[in-house]
Amino acid sequence: MRGQVLSLKGKEFIEAARAVGCPTGRILFRHIPPNTLAPIIVSISFAIPSYILAEASLSFHGIGIRPPMPSWGSMVYLSFPIITYLPAFVIMPTVLIALIMIAFVGDGLRDALEPQMSGR
């Protein structure tokens, strides 16, 4: 975030705002946040899979969400005794955890929010 703000500090639109006499507070609150929003959204979308995995791991080990509330980690843990008879009860929550983590990776989101990076 700091690097992004420092790179924006030297851009032409900031220099133009200073040239017309905009106060520093107005530049900080009207010009900087809209231009730093895209990298923040991308970094959050890349962090969501690690949060999902952490919650599923904690629930699997019994220190996450308690049993009346559904959690994929606790579903996998509770299904282990019957894995030899009904493996789908273990496979389905595991596959769903993997799919939701892949869905949140955010590569498409990054390409949508930063079009100059999509031409790699």
PDB file of N, CA and C in Angstrom:
ATOM      1  N   MET A   1       0.836  -1.197   0.000  1.00  0.00           N
ATOM      2  CA  MET A   1       0.000   0.000   0.000  1.00  0.00           C
ATOM      3  C   MET A   1       0.874   1.251   0.000  1.00  0.00           C
ATOM      4  N   ARG A   2       1.898   1.251   0.862  1.00  0.00           N
ATOM      5  CA  ARG A   2       2.768   2.421   0.940  1.00  0.00           C
ATOM      6  C   ARG A   2       3.475   2.653  -0.390  1.00  0.00           C
ATOM      7  N   GLY A   3       3.963   1.591  -0.995  1.00  0.00           N
ATOM      8  CA  GLY A   3       4.631   1.711  -2.282  1.00  0.00           C
ATOM      9  C   GLY A   3       3.703   2.237  -3.368  1.00  0.00           C
ATOM     10  N   GLN A   4       2.467   1.792  -3.327  1.00  0.00           N
ATOM     11  CA  GLN A   4       1.477   2.258  -4.303  1.00  0.00           C
ATOM     12  C   GLN A   4       1.226   3.756  -4.134  1.00  0.00           C
ATOM     13  N   VAL A   5       1.090   4.208  -2.894  1.00  0.00           N
ATOM     14  CA  VAL A   5       0.851   5.632  -2.639  1.00  0.00           C
ATOM     15  C   VAL A   5       2.065   6.453  -3.053  1.00  0.00           C
ATOM     16  N   LEU A   6       3.263   5.949  -2.774  1.00  0.00           N
ATOM     17  CA  LEU A   6       4.470   6.684  -3.167  1.00  0.00           C
ATOM     18  C   LEU A   6       4.617   6.763  -4.680  1.00  0.00           C
ATOM     19  N   SER A   7       4.212   5.705  -5.388  1.00  0.00           N
ATOM     20  CA  SER A   7       4.281   5.765  -6.848  1.00  0.00           C
ATOM     21  C   SER A   7       3.235   6.727  -7.416  1.00  0.00           C
ATOM     22  N   LEU A   8       2.080   6.829  -6.747  1.00  0.00           N
ATOM     23  CA  LEU A   8       1.048   7.764  -7.202  1.00  0.00           C
ATOM     24  C   LEU A   8       1.447   9.212  -6.940  1.00  0.00           C
ATOM     25  N   LYS A   9       2.308   9.415  -5.966  1.00  0.00           N
ATOM     26  CA  LYS A   9       2.710  10.771  -5.587  1.00  0.00           C
ATOM     27  C   LYS A   9       3.379  11.515  -6.741  1.00  0.00           C
ATOM     28  N   GLY A  10       4.049  10.787  -7.604  1.00  0.00           N
ATOM     29  CA  GLY A  10       4.726  11.430  -8.724  1.00  0.00           C
ATOM     30  C   GLY A  10       3.941  11.438 -10.021  1.00  0.00           C
ATOM     31  N   LYS A  11       2.737  10.966 -10.018  1.00  0.00           N
ATOM     32  CA  LYS A  11       1.932  10.916 -11.248  1.00  0.00           C
ATOM     33  C   LYS A  11       1.476  12.311 -11.670  1.00  0.00           C
ATOM     34  N   GLU A  12       1.123  12.398 -12.933  1.00  0.00           N
ATOM     35  CA  GLU A  12       0.759  13.680 -13.531  1.00  0.00           C
ATOM     36  C   GLU A  12      -0.510  14.274 -12.932  1.00  0.00           C
ATOM     37  N   PHE A  13      -1.499  13.442 -12.626  1.00  0.00           N
ATOM     38  CA  PHE A  13      -2.754  14.005 -12.120  1.00  0.00           C
ATOM     39  C   PHE A  13      -2.578  14.587 -10.720  1.00  0.00           C
ATOM     40  N   ILE A  14      -1.627  14.063  -9.938  1.00  0.00           N
ATOM     41  CA  ILE A  14      -1.350  14.643  -8.623  1.00  0.00           C
ATOM     42  C   ILE A  14      -0.626  15.976  -8.792  1.00  0.00           C
ATOM     43  N   GLU A  15       0.324  16.011  -9.724  1.00  0.00           N
ATOM     44  CA  GLU A  15       1.028  17.270  -9.999  1.00  0.00           C
ATOM     45  C   GLU A  15       0.064  18.323 -10.538  1.00  0.00           C
ATOM     46  N   ALA A  16      -0.893  17.903 -11.366  1.00  0.00           N
ATOM     47  CA  ALA A  16      -1.885  18.840 -11.896  1.00  0.00           C
ATOM     48  C   ALA A  16      -2.774  19.371 -10.779  1.00  0.00           C
ATOM     49  N   ALA A  17      -3.152  18.505  -9.838  1.00  0.00           N
ATOM     50  CA  ALA A  17      -3.979  18.945  -8.712  1.00  0.00           C
ATOM     51  C   ALA A  17      -3.216  19.950  -7.848  1.00  0.00           C
ATOM     52  N   ARG A  18      -1.925  19.709  -7.653  1.00  0.00           N
ATOM     53  CA  ARG A  18      -1.118  20.669  -6.891  1.00  0.00           C
ATOM     54  C   ARG A  18      -0.971  21.984  -7.650  1.00  0.00           C
ATOM     55  N   ALA A  19      -0.849  21.888  -8.970  1.00  0.00           N
ATOM     56  CA  ALA A  19      -0.652  23.087  -9.782  1.00  0.00           C
ATOM     57  C   ALA A  19      -1.880  24.002  -9.748  1.00  0.00           C
ATOM     58  N   VAL A  20      -3.077  23.426  -9.651  1.00  0.00           N
ATOM     59  CA  VAL A  20      -4.278  24.258  -9.608  1.00  0.00           C
ATOM     60  C   VAL A  20      -4.610  24.713  -8.198  1.00  0.00           C
ATOM     61  N   GLY A  21      -3.801  24.272  -7.212  1.00  0.00           N
ATOM     62  CA  GLY A  21      -3.958  24.777  -5.859  1.00  0.00           C
ATOM     63  C   GLY A  21      -4.774  23.925  -4.921  1.00  0.00           C
ATOM     64  N   CYS A  22      -4.941  22.654  -5.216  1.00  0.00           N
ATOM     65  CA  CYS A  22      -5.661  21.767  -4.299  1.00  0.00           C
ATOM     66  C   CYS A  22      -4.856  21.583  -3.016  1.00  0.00           C
ATOM     67  N   PRO A  23      -5.514  21.663  -1.873  1.00  0.00           N
ATOM     68  CA  PRO A  23      -4.790  21.407  -0.629  1.00  0.00           C
ATOM     69  C   PRO A  23      -4.409  19.925  -0.508  1.00  0.00           C
ATOM     70  N   THR A  24      -3.413  19.642   0.302  1.00  0.00           N
ATOM     71  CA  THR A  24      -2.915  18.276   0.459  1.00  0.00           C
ATOM     72  C   THR A  24      -3.998  17.334   0.968  1.00  0.00           C
ATOM     73  N   GLY A  25      -4.836  17.789   1.870  1.00  0.00           N
ATOM     74  CA  GLY A  25      -5.917  16.953   2.395  1.00  0.00           C
ATOM     75  C   GLY A  25      -6.880  16.519   1.311  1.00  0.00           C
ATOM     76  N   ARG A  26      -7.204  17.428   0.423  1.00  0.00           N
ATOM     77  CA  ARG A  26      -8.118  17.078  -0.678  1.00  0.00           C
ATOM     78  C   ARG A  26      -7.474  16.063  -1.613  1.00  0.00           C
ATOM     79  N   ILE A  27      -6.200  16.217  -1.897  1.00  0.00           N
ATOM     80  CA  ILE A  27      -5.498  15.247  -2.748  1.00  0.00           C
ATOM     81  C   ILE A  27      -5.473  13.880  -2.070  1.00  0.00           C
ATOM     82  N   LEU A  28      -5.211  13.875  -0.752  1.00  0.00           N
ATOM     83  CA  LEU A  28      -5.134  12.603  -0.020  1.00  0.00           C
ATOM     84  C   LEU A  28      -6.464  11.873   0.039  1.00  0.00           C
ATOM     85  N   PHE A  29      -7.564  12.601   0.112  1.00  0.00           N
ATOM     86  CA  PHE A  29      -8.857  11.950   0.272  1.00  0.00           C
ATOM     87  C   PHE A  29      -9.667  11.834  -1.011  1.00  0.00           C
ATOM     88  N   ARG A  30      -9.342  12.604  -2.045  1.00  0.00           N
ATOM     89  CA  ARG A  30     -10.121  12.559  -3.281  1.00  0.00           C
ATOM     90  C   ARG A  30      -9.409  11.876  -4.441  1.00  0.00           C
ATOM     91  N   HIS A  31      -8.080  11.877  -4.446  1.00  0.00           N
ATOM     92  CA  HIS A  31      -7.347  11.350  -5.597  1.00  0.00           C
ATOM     93  C   HIS A  31      -6.607  10.042  -5.296  1.00  0.00           C
ATOM     94  N   ILE A  32      -6.063   9.910  -4.107  1.00  0.00           N
ATOM     95  CA  ILE A  32      -5.263   8.718  -3.785  1.00  0.00           C
ATOM     96  C   ILE A  32      -6.117   7.470  -3.556  1.00  0.00           C
ATOM     97  N   PRO A  33      -7.177   7.487  -2.718  1.00  0.00           N
ATOM     98  CA  PRO A  33      -7.924   6.235  -2.451  1.00  0.00           C
ATOM     99  C   PRO A  33      -8.527   5.555  -3.683  1.00  0.00           C
ATOM    100  N   PRO A  34      -9.123   6.274  -4.624  1.00  0.00           N
ATOM    101  CA  PRO A  34      -9.664   5.549  -5.786  1.00  0.00           C
ATOM    102  C   PRO A  34      -8.594   4.836  -6.611  1.00  0.00           C
ATOM    103  N   ASN A  35      -7.385   5.364  -6.605  1.00  0.00           N
ATOM    104  CA  ASN A  35      -6.324   4.759  -7.392  1.00  0.00           C
ATOM    105  C   ASN A  35      -5.573   3.657  -6.645  1.00  0.00           C
ATOM    106  N   THR A  36      -5.766   3.543  -5.350  1.00  0.00           N
ATOM    107  CA  THR A  36      -5.149   2.458  -4.594  1.00  0.00           C
ATOM    108  C   THR A  36      -6.143   1.353  -4.272  1.00  0.00           C
ATOM    109  N   LEU A  37      -7.383   1.510  -4.636  1.00  0.00           N
ATOM    110  CA  LEU A  37      -8.415   0.534  -4.294  1.00  0.00           C
ATOM    111  C   LEU A  37      -8.219  -0.801  -5.010  1.00  0.00           C
ATOM    112  N   ALA A  38      -7.839  -0.795  -6.284  1.00  0.00           N
ATOM    113  CA  ALA A  38      -7.685  -2.037  -7.037  1.00  0.00           C
ATOM    114  C   ALA A  38      -6.617  -2.954  -6.438  1.00  0.00           C
ATOM    115  N   PRO A  39      -5.418  -2.475  -6.100  1.00  0.00           N
ATOM    116  CA  PRO A  39      -4.445  -3.390  -5.486  1.00  0.00           C
ATOM    117  C   PRO A  39      -4.888  -3.920  -4.124  1.00  0.00           C
ATOM    118  N   ILE A  40      -5.634  -3.134  -3.376  1.00  0.00           N
ATOM    119  CA  ILE A  40      -6.127  -3.601  -2.077  1.00  0.00           C
ATOM    120  C   ILE A  40      -7.127  -4.739  -2.272  1.00  0.00           C
ATOM    121  N   ILE A  41      -8.032  -4.597  -3.220  1.00  0.00           N
ATOM    122  CA  ILE A  41      -9.018  -5.646  -3.492  1.00  0.00           C
ATOM    123  C   ILE A  41      -8.333  -6.919  -3.960  1.00  0.00           C
ATOM    124  N   VAL A  42      -7.310  -6.788  -4.791  1.00  0.00           N
ATOM    125  CA  VAL A  42      -6.588  -7.961  -5.281  1.00  0.00           C
ATOM    126  C   VAL A  42      -5.866  -8.662  -4.139  1.00  0.00           C
ATOM    127  N   SER A  43      -5.227  -7.922  -3.256  1.00  0.00           N
ATOM    128  CA  SER A  43      -4.519  -8.562  -2.142  1.00  0.00           C
ATOM    129  C   SER A  43      -5.488  -9.243  -1.184  1.00  0.00           C
ATOM    130  N   ILE A  44      -6.651  -8.666  -0.977  1.00  0.00           N
ATOM    131  CA  ILE A  44      -7.656  -9.308  -0.132  1.00  0.00           C
ATOM    132  C   ILE A  44      -8.168 -10.591  -0.788  1.00  0.00           C
ATOM    133  N   SER A  45      -8.390 -10.546  -2.108  1.00  0.00           N
ATOM    134  CA  SER A  45      -8.880 -11.750  -2.782  1.00  0.00           C
ATOM    135  C   SER A  45      -7.843 -12.860  -2.780  1.00  0.00           C
ATOM    136  N   PHE A  46      -6.558 -12.513  -2.740  1.00  0.00           N
ATOM    137  CA  PHE A  46      -5.525 -13.543  -2.624  1.00  0.00           C
ATOM    138  C   PHE A  46      -5.397 -14.063  -1.201  1.00  0.00           C
ATOM    139  N   ALA A  47      -5.839 -13.325  -0.202  1.00  0.00           N
ATOM    140  CA  ALA A  47      -5.734 -13.757   1.189  1.00  0.00           C
ATOM    141  C   ALA A  47      -6.909 -14.630   1.616  1.00  0.00           C
ATOM    142  N   ILE A  48      -8.045 -14.540   0.964  1.00  0.00           N
ATOM    143  CA  ILE A  48      -9.234 -15.292   1.359  1.00  0.00           C
ATOM    144  C   ILE A  48      -9.010 -16.805   1.353  1.00  0.00           C
ATOM    145  N   PRO A  49      -8.333 -17.397   0.351  1.00  0.00           N
ATOM    146  CA  PRO A  49      -8.112 -18.853   0.415  1.00  0.00           C
ATOM    147  C   PRO A  49      -7.333 -19.306   1.648  1.00  0.00           C
ATOM    148  N   SER A  50      -6.377 -18.524   2.099  1.00  0.00           N
ATOM    149  CA  SER A  50      -5.641 -18.926   3.297  1.00  0.00           C
ATOM    150  C   SER A  50      -6.536 -18.865   4.532  1.00  0.00           C
ATOM    151  N   TYR A  51      -7.465 -17.922   4.568  1.00  0.00           N
ATOM    152  CA  TYR A  51      -8.413 -17.863   5.687  1.00  0.00           C
ATOM    153  C   TYR A  51      -9.353 -19.068   5.675  1.00  0.00           C
ATOM    154  N   ILE A  52      -9.796 -19.459   4.489  1.00  0.00           N
ATOM    155  CA  ILE A  52     -10.682 -20.620   4.365  1.00  0.00           C
ATOM    156  C   ILE A  52      -9.951 -21.882   4.811  1.00  0.00           C
ATOM    157  N   LEU A  53      -8.709 -22.041   4.371  1.00  0.00           N
ATOM    158  CA  LEU A  53      -7.939 -23.212   4.753  1.00  0.00           C
ATOM    159  C   LEU A  53      -7.660 -23.225   6.252  1.00  0.00           C
ATOM    160  N   ALA A  54      -7.375 -22.072   6.823  1.00  0.00           N
ATOM    161  CA  ALA A  54      -7.132 -22.002   8.276  1.00  0.00           C
ATOM    162  C   ALA A  54      -8.373 -22.402   9.062  1.00  0.00           C
ATOM    163  N   GLU A  55      -9.537 -21.914   8.648  1.00  0.00           N
ATOM    164  CA  GLU A  55     -10.775 -22.269   9.350  1.00  0.00           C
ATOM    165  C   GLU A  55     -11.068 -23.746   9.213  1.00  0.00           C
ATOM    166  N   ALA A  56     -10.894 -24.315   8.014  1.00  0.00           N
ATOM    167  CA  ALA A  56     -11.156 -25.735   7.815  1.00  0.00           C
ATOM    168  C   ALA A  56     -10.173 -26.586   8.622  1.00  0.00           C
ATOM    169  N   SER A  57      -8.915 -26.161   8.683  1.00  0.00           N
ATOM    170  CA  SER A  57      -7.919 -26.909   9.459  1.00  0.00           C
ATOM    171  C   SER A  57      -8.224 -26.863  10.944  1.00  0.00           C
ATOM    172  N   LEU A  58      -8.574 -25.696  11.442  1.00  0.00           N
ATOM    173  CA  LEU A  58      -8.912 -25.581  12.860  1.00  0.00           C
ATOM    174  C   LEU A  58     -10.150 -26.398  13.205  1.00  0.00           C
ATOM    175  N   SER A  59     -11.153 -26.366  12.339  1.00  0.00           N
ATOM    176  CA  SER A  59     -12.365 -27.152  12.591  1.00  0.00           C
ATOM    177  C   SER A  59     -12.084 -28.645  12.497  1.00  0.00           C
ATOM    178  N   PHE A  60     -11.182 -29.029  11.592  1.00  0.00           N
ATOM    179  CA  PHE A  60     -10.815 -30.435  11.469  1.00  0.00           C
ATOM    180  C   PHE A  60     -10.162 -30.939  12.754  1.00  0.00           C
ATOM    181  N   HIS A  61      -9.355 -30.102  13.383  1.00  0.00           N
ATOM    182  CA  HIS A  61      -8.660 -30.487  14.609  1.00  0.00           C
ATOM    183  C   HIS A  61      -9.511 -30.273  15.859  1.00  0.00           C
ATOM    184  N   GLY A  62     -10.713 -29.737  15.698  1.00  0.00           N
ATOM    185  CA  GLY A  62     -11.627 -29.602  16.820  1.00  0.00           C
ATOM    186  C   GLY A  62     -11.517 -28.306  17.590  1.00  0.00           C
ATOM    187  N   ILE A  63     -10.761 -27.342  17.093  1.00  0.00           N
ATOM    188  CA  ILE A  63     -10.635 -26.069  17.804  1.00  0.00           C
ATOM    189  C   ILE A  63     -11.224 -24.914  17.002  1.00  0.00           C
ATOM    190  N   GLY A  64     -12.004 -25.224  16.013  1.00  0.00           N
ATOM    191  CA  GLY A  64     -12.630 -24.190  15.198  1.00  0.00           C
ATOM    192  C   GLY A  64     -14.082 -24.000  15.584  1.00  0.00           C
ATOM    193  N   ILE A  65     -14.938 -24.014  14.605  1.00  0.00           N
ATOM    194  CA  ILE A  65     -16.370 -23.833  14.823  1.00  0.00           C
ATOM    195  C   ILE A  65     -16.937 -25.086  15.481  1.00  0.00           C
ATOM    196  N   ARG A  66     -17.782 -24.900  16.464  1.00  0.00           N
ATOM    197  CA  ARG A  66     -18.355 -26.019  17.219  1.00  0.00           C
ATOM    198  C   ARG A  66     -19.450 -26.722  16.420  1.00  0.00           C
ATOM    199  N   PRO A  67     -19.717 -28.020  16.672  1.00  0.00           N
ATOM    200  CA  PRO A  67     -20.580 -28.862  15.856  1.00  0.00           C
ATOM    201  C   PRO A  67     -21.992 -28.393  15.497  1.00  0.00           C
ATOM    202  N   PRO A  68     -22.745 -27.651  16.270  1.00  0.00           N
ATOM    203  CA  PRO A  68     -24.049 -27.288  15.702  1.00  0.00           C
ATOM    204  C   PRO A  68     -23.928 -26.421  14.448  1.00  0.00           C
ATOM    205  N   MET A  69     -22.856 -25.654  14.367  1.00  0.00           N
ATOM    206  CA  MET A  69     -22.624 -24.834  13.169  1.00  0.00           C
ATOM    207  C   MET A  69     -21.876 -25.676  12.135  1.00  0.00           C
ATOM    208  N   PRO A  70     -22.314 -25.669  10.884  1.00  0.00           N
ATOM    209  CA  PRO A  70     -21.635 -26.491   9.877  1.00  0.00           C
ATOM    210  C   PRO A  70     -20.289 -25.898   9.477  1.00  0.00           C
ATOM    211  N   SER A  71     -19.330 -26.766   9.289  1.00  0.00           N
ATOM    212  CA  SER A  71     -18.005 -26.385   8.812  1.00  0.00           C
ATOM    213  C   SER A  71     -17.454 -27.546   7.997  1.00  0.00           C
ATOM    214  N   TRP A  72     -16.806 -27.251   6.888  1.00  0.00           N
ATOM    215  CA  TRP A  72     -16.286 -28.320   6.046  1.00  0.00           C
ATOM    216  C   TRP A  72     -15.188 -29.101   6.749  1.00  0.00           C
ATOM    217  N   GLY A  73     -14.385 -28.438   7.561  1.00  0.00           N
ATOM    218  CA  GLY A  73     -13.343 -29.145   8.299  1.00  0.00           C
ATOM    219  C   GLY A  73     -13.918 -30.142   9.284  1.00  0.00           C
ATOM    220  N   SER A  74     -14.963 -29.738  10.008  1.00  0.00           N
ATOM    221  CA  SER A  74     -15.588 -30.674  10.951  1.00  0.00           C
ATOM    222  C   SER A  74     -16.349 -31.772  10.214  1.00  0.00           C
ATOM    223  N   MET A  75     -16.874 -31.479   9.034  1.00  0.00           N
ATOM    224  CA  MET A  75     -17.532 -32.527   8.248  1.00  0.00           C
ATOM    225  C   MET A  75     -16.540 -33.601   7.832  1.00  0.00           C
ATOM    226  N   VAL A  76     -15.345 -33.189   7.428  1.00  0.00           N
ATOM    227  CA  VAL A  76     -14.311 -34.157   7.052  1.00  0.00           C
ATOM    228  C   VAL A  76     -13.904 -34.976   8.264  1.00  0.00           C
ATOM    229  N   TYR A  77     -13.719 -34.321   9.400  1.00  0.00           N
ATOM    230  CA  TYR A  77     -13.306 -35.033  10.618  1.00  0.00           C
ATOM    231  C   TYR A  77     -14.362 -36.042  11.074  1.00  0.00           C
ATOM    232  N   LEU A  78     -15.607 -35.636  11.070  1.00  0.00           N
ATOM    233  CA  LEU A  78     -16.674 -36.524  11.529  1.00  0.00           C
ATOM    234  C   LEU A  78     -16.942 -37.669  10.559  1.00  0.00           C
ATOM    235  N   SER A  79     -16.510 -37.535   9.299  1.00  0.00           N
ATOM    236  CA  SER A  79     -16.735 -38.569   8.300  1.00  0.00           C
ATOM    237  C   SER A  79     -15.618 -39.605   8.239  1.00  0.00           C
ATOM    238  N   PHE A  80     -14.505 -39.363   8.909  1.00  0.00           N
ATOM    239  CA  PHE A  80     -13.394 -40.305   8.844  1.00  0.00           C
ATOM    240  C   PHE A  80     -13.717 -41.715   9.330  1.00  0.00           C
ATOM    241  N   PRO A  81     -14.526 -41.920  10.371  1.00  0.00           N
ATOM    242  CA  PRO A  81     -14.817 -43.315  10.779  1.00  0.00           C
ATOM    243  C   PRO A  81     -15.551 -44.134   9.717  1.00  0.00           C
ATOM    244  N   ILE A  82     -16.264 -43.492   8.825  1.00  0.00           N
ATOM    245  CA  ILE A  82     -17.021 -44.230   7.807  1.00  0.00           C
ATOM    246  C   ILE A  82     -16.400 -44.112   6.421  1.00  0.00           C
ATOM    247  N   ILE A  83     -15.120 -43.749   6.351  1.00  0.00           N
ATOM    248  CA  ILE A  83     -14.482 -43.543   5.050  1.00  0.00           C
ATOM    249  C   ILE A  83     -14.425 -44.830   4.230  1.00  0.00           C
ATOM    250  N   THR A  84     -14.326 -45.973   4.876  1.00  0.00           N
ATOM    251  CA  THR A  84     -14.265 -47.224   4.116  1.00  0.00           C
ATOM    252  C   THR A  84     -15.610 -47.604   3.516  1.00  0.00           C
ATOM    253  N   TYR A  85     -16.709 -47.176   4.140  1.00  0.00           N
ATOM    254  CA  TYR A  85     -18.043 -47.524   3.651  1.00  0.00           C
ATOM    255  C   TYR A  85     -18.616 -46.457   2.713  1.00  0.00           C
ATOM    256  N   LEU A  86     -18.458 -45.209   3.106  1.00  0.00           N
ATOM    257  CA  LEU A  86     -18.999 -44.100   2.314  1.00  0.00           C
ATOM    258  C   LEU A  86     -17.915 -43.025   2.112  1.00  0.00           C
ATOM    259  N   PRO A  87     -17.009 -43.224   1.164  1.00  0.00           N
ATOM    260  CA  PRO A  87     -15.924 -42.258   0.980  1.00  0.00           C
ATOM    261  C   PRO A  87     -16.397 -40.901   0.458  1.00  0.00           C
ATOM    262  N   ALA A  88     -17.592 -40.836  -0.091  1.00  0.00           N
ATOM    263  CA  ALA A  88     -18.086 -39.562  -0.616  1.00  0.00           C
ATOM    264  C   ALA A  88     -18.277 -38.532   0.489  1.00  0.00           C
ATOM    265  N   PHE A  89     -18.545 -38.990   1.706  1.00  0.00           N
ATOM    266  CA  PHE A  89     -18.724 -38.054   2.815  1.00  0.00           C
ATOM    267  C   PHE A  89     -17.422 -37.354   3.205  1.00  0.00           C
ATOM    268  N   VAL A  90     -16.301 -37.934   2.859  1.00  0.00           N
ATOM    269  CA  VAL A  90     -15.007 -37.283   3.095  1.00  0.00           C
ATOM    270  C   VAL A  90     -14.565 -36.530   1.845  1.00  0.00           C
ATOM    271  N   ILE A  91     -14.816 -37.111   0.691  1.00  0.00           N
ATOM    272  CA  ILE A  91     -14.339 -36.531  -0.559  1.00  0.00           C
ATOM    273  C   ILE A  91     -15.072 -35.238  -0.897  1.00  0.00           C
ATOM    274  N   MET A  92     -16.383 -35.200  -0.714  1.00  0.00           N
ATOM    275  CA  MET A  92     -17.154 -34.021  -1.120  1.00  0.00           C
ATOM    276  C   MET A  92     -16.760 -32.751  -0.365  1.00  0.00           C
ATOM    277  N   PRO A  93     -16.679 -32.737   0.973  1.00  0.00           N
ATOM    278  CA  PRO A  93     -16.249 -31.494   1.628  1.00  0.00           C
ATOM    279  C   PRO A  93     -14.825 -31.101   1.256  1.00  0.00           C
ATOM    280  N   THR A  94     -13.957 -32.098   1.056  1.00  0.00           N
ATOM    281  CA  THR A  94     -12.581 -31.806   0.671  1.00  0.00           C
ATOM    282  C   THR A  94     -12.524 -31.172  -0.711  1.00  0.00           C
ATOM    283  N   VAL A  95     -13.293 -31.698  -1.644  1.00  0.00           N
ATOM    284  CA  VAL A  95     -13.336 -31.130  -2.994  1.00  0.00           C
ATOM    285  C   VAL A  95     -13.936 -29.727  -2.960  1.00  0.00           C
ATOM    286  N   LEU A  96     -14.960 -29.524  -2.145  1.00  0.00           N
ATOM    287  CA  LEU A  96     -15.573 -28.204  -2.051  1.00  0.00           C
ATOM    288  C   LEU A  96     -14.617 -27.172  -1.449  1.00  0.00           C
ATOM    289  N   ILE A  97     -13.822 -27.583  -0.463  1.00  0.00           N
ATOM    290  CA  ILE A  97     -12.815 -26.672   0.087  1.00  0.00           C
ATOM    291  C   ILE A  97     -11.829 -26.281  -1.004  1.00  0.00           C
ATOM    292  N   ALA A  98     -11.365 -27.262  -1.770  1.00  0.00           N
ATOM    293  CA  ALA A  98     -10.411 -26.981  -2.842  1.00  0.00           C
ATOM    294  C   ALA A  98     -11.021 -26.079  -3.913  1.00  0.00           C
ATOM    295  N   LEU A  99     -12.271 -26.331  -4.297  1.00  0.00           N
ATOM    296  CA  LEU A  99     -12.912 -25.522  -5.342  1.00  0.00           C
ATOM    297  C   LEU A  99     -13.130 -24.074  -4.894  1.00  0.00           C
ATOM    298  N   ILE A 100     -13.548 -23.888  -3.663  1.00  0.00           N
ATOM    299  CA  ILE A 100     -13.795 -22.516  -3.197  1.00  0.00           C
ATOM    300  C   ILE A 100     -12.479 -21.766  -3.059  1.00  0.00           C
ATOM    301  N   MET A 101     -11.409 -22.476  -2.709  1.00  0.00           N
ATOM    302  CA  MET A 101     -10.103 -21.808  -2.633  1.00  0.00           C
ATOM    303  C   MET A 101      -9.626 -21.410  -4.017  1.00  0.00           C
ATOM    304  N   ILE A 102      -9.830 -22.269  -5.000  1.00  0.00           N
ATOM    305  CA  ILE A 102      -9.444 -21.943  -6.372  1.00  0.00           C
ATOM    306  C   ILE A 102     -10.287 -20.790  -6.904  1.00  0.00           C
ATOM    307  N   ALA A 103     -11.562 -20.761  -6.536  1.00  0.00           N
ATOM    308  CA  ALA A 103     -12.446 -19.702  -7.022  1.00  0.00           C
ATOM    309  C   ALA A 103     -12.034 -18.330  -6.508  1.00  0.00           C
ATOM    310  N   PHE A 104     -11.438 -18.284  -5.311  1.00  0.00           N
ATOM    311  CA  PHE A 104     -11.056 -17.012  -4.731  1.00  0.00           C
ATOM    312  C   PHE A 104      -9.639 -16.581  -5.064  1.00  0.00           C
ATOM    313  N   VAL A 105      -8.932 -17.315  -5.864  1.00  0.00           N
ATOM    314  CA  VAL A 105      -7.537 -16.954  -6.149  1.00  0.00           C
ATOM    315  C   VAL A 105      -7.459 -15.541  -6.715  1.00  0.00           C
ATOM    316  N   GLY A 106      -8.353 -15.182  -7.573  1.00  0.00           N
ATOM    317  CA  GLY A 106      -8.451 -13.791  -7.992  1.00  0.00           C
ATOM    318  C   GLY A 106      -7.678 -13.403  -9.227  1.00  0.00           C
ATOM    319  N   ASP A 107      -7.220 -14.362 -10.014  1.00  0.00           N
ATOM    320  CA  ASP A 107      -6.490 -13.984 -11.217  1.00  0.00           C
ATOM    321  C   ASP A 107      -7.395 -13.243 -12.196  1.00  0.00           C
ATOM    322  N   GLY A 108      -8.623 -13.723 -12.342  1.00  0.00           N
ATOM    323  CA  GLY A 108      -9.563 -13.011 -13.206  1.00  0.00           C
ATOM    324  C   GLY A 108      -9.925 -11.652 -12.648  1.00  0.00           C
ATOM    325  N   LEU A 109     -10.026 -11.558 -11.326  1.00  0.00           N
ATOM    326  CA  LEU A 109     -10.317 -10.283 -10.682  1.00  0.00           C
ATOM    327  C   LEU A 109      -9.174  -9.306 -10.890  1.00  0.00           C
ATOM    328  N   ARG A 110      -7.935  -9.794 -10.789  1.00  0.00           N
ATOM    329  CA  ARG A 110      -6.777  -8.924 -11.002  1.00  0.00           C
ATOM    330  C   ARG A 110      -6.750  -8.419 -12.443  1.00  0.00           C
ATOM    331  N   ASP A 111      -7.038  -9.311 -13.402  1.00  0.00           N
ATOM    332  CA  ASP A 111      -7.057  -8.882 -14.798  1.00  0.00           C
ATOM    333  C   ASP A 111      -8.164  -7.868 -15.058  1.00  0.00           C
ATOM    334  N   ALA A 112      -9.291  -8.011 -14.358  1.00  0.00           N
ATOM    335  CA  ALA A 112     -10.397  -7.073 -14.554  1.00  0.00           C
ATOM    336  C   ALA A 112     -10.102  -5.709 -13.944  1.00  0.00           C
ATOM    337  N   LEU A 113      -9.421  -5.688 -12.794  1.00  0.00           N
ATOM    338  CA  LEU A 113      -9.176  -4.425 -12.108  1.00  0.00           C
ATOM    339  C   LEU A 113      -7.907  -3.724 -12.568  1.00  0.00           C
ATOM    340  N   GLU A 114      -6.940  -4.476 -13.099  1.00  0.00           N
ATOM    341  CA  GLU A 114      -5.700  -3.879 -13.579  1.00  0.00           C
ATOM    342  C   GLU A 114      -5.477  -4.272 -15.037  1.00  0.00           C
ATOM    343  N   PRO A 115      -6.157  -3.623 -15.960  1.00  0.00           N
ATOM    344  CA  PRO A 115      -6.079  -4.040 -17.362  1.00  0.00           C
ATOM    345  C   PRO A 115      -4.680  -3.900 -17.965  1.00  0.00           C
ATOM    346  N   GLN A 116      -3.826  -3.030 -17.412  1.00  0.00           N
ATOM    347  CA  GLN A 116      -2.488  -2.900 -17.961  1.00  0.00           C
ATOM    348  C   GLN A 116      -1.638  -4.134 -17.657  1.00  0.00           C
ATOM    349  N   MET A 117      -1.988  -4.928 -16.649  1.00  0.00           N
ATOM    350  CA  MET A 117      -1.246  -6.132 -16.309  1.00  0.00           C
ATOM    351  C   MET A 117      -1.719  -7.334 -17.111  1.00  0.00           C
ATOM    352  N   SER A 118      -2.900  -7.279 -17.732  1.00  0.00           N
ATOM    353  CA  SER A 118      -3.459  -8.455 -18.399  1.00  0.00           C
ATOM    354  C   SER A 118      -2.752  -8.775 -19.718  1.00  0.00           C
ATOM    355  N   GLY A 119      -1.956  -7.894 -20.242  1.00  0.00           N
ATOM    356  CA  GLY A 119      -1.268  -8.141 -21.493  1.00  0.00           C
ATOM    357  C   GLY A 119       0.110  -8.746 -21.304  1.00  0.00           C
ATOM    358  N   ARG A 120       0.309  -9.544 -20.252  1.00  0.00           N
ATOM    359  CA  ARG A 120       1.609 -10.137 -19.953  1.00  0.00           C
ATOM    360  C   ARG A 120       2.137 -10.945 -21.049  1.00  0.00           C
TER     361      ARG A 120
END
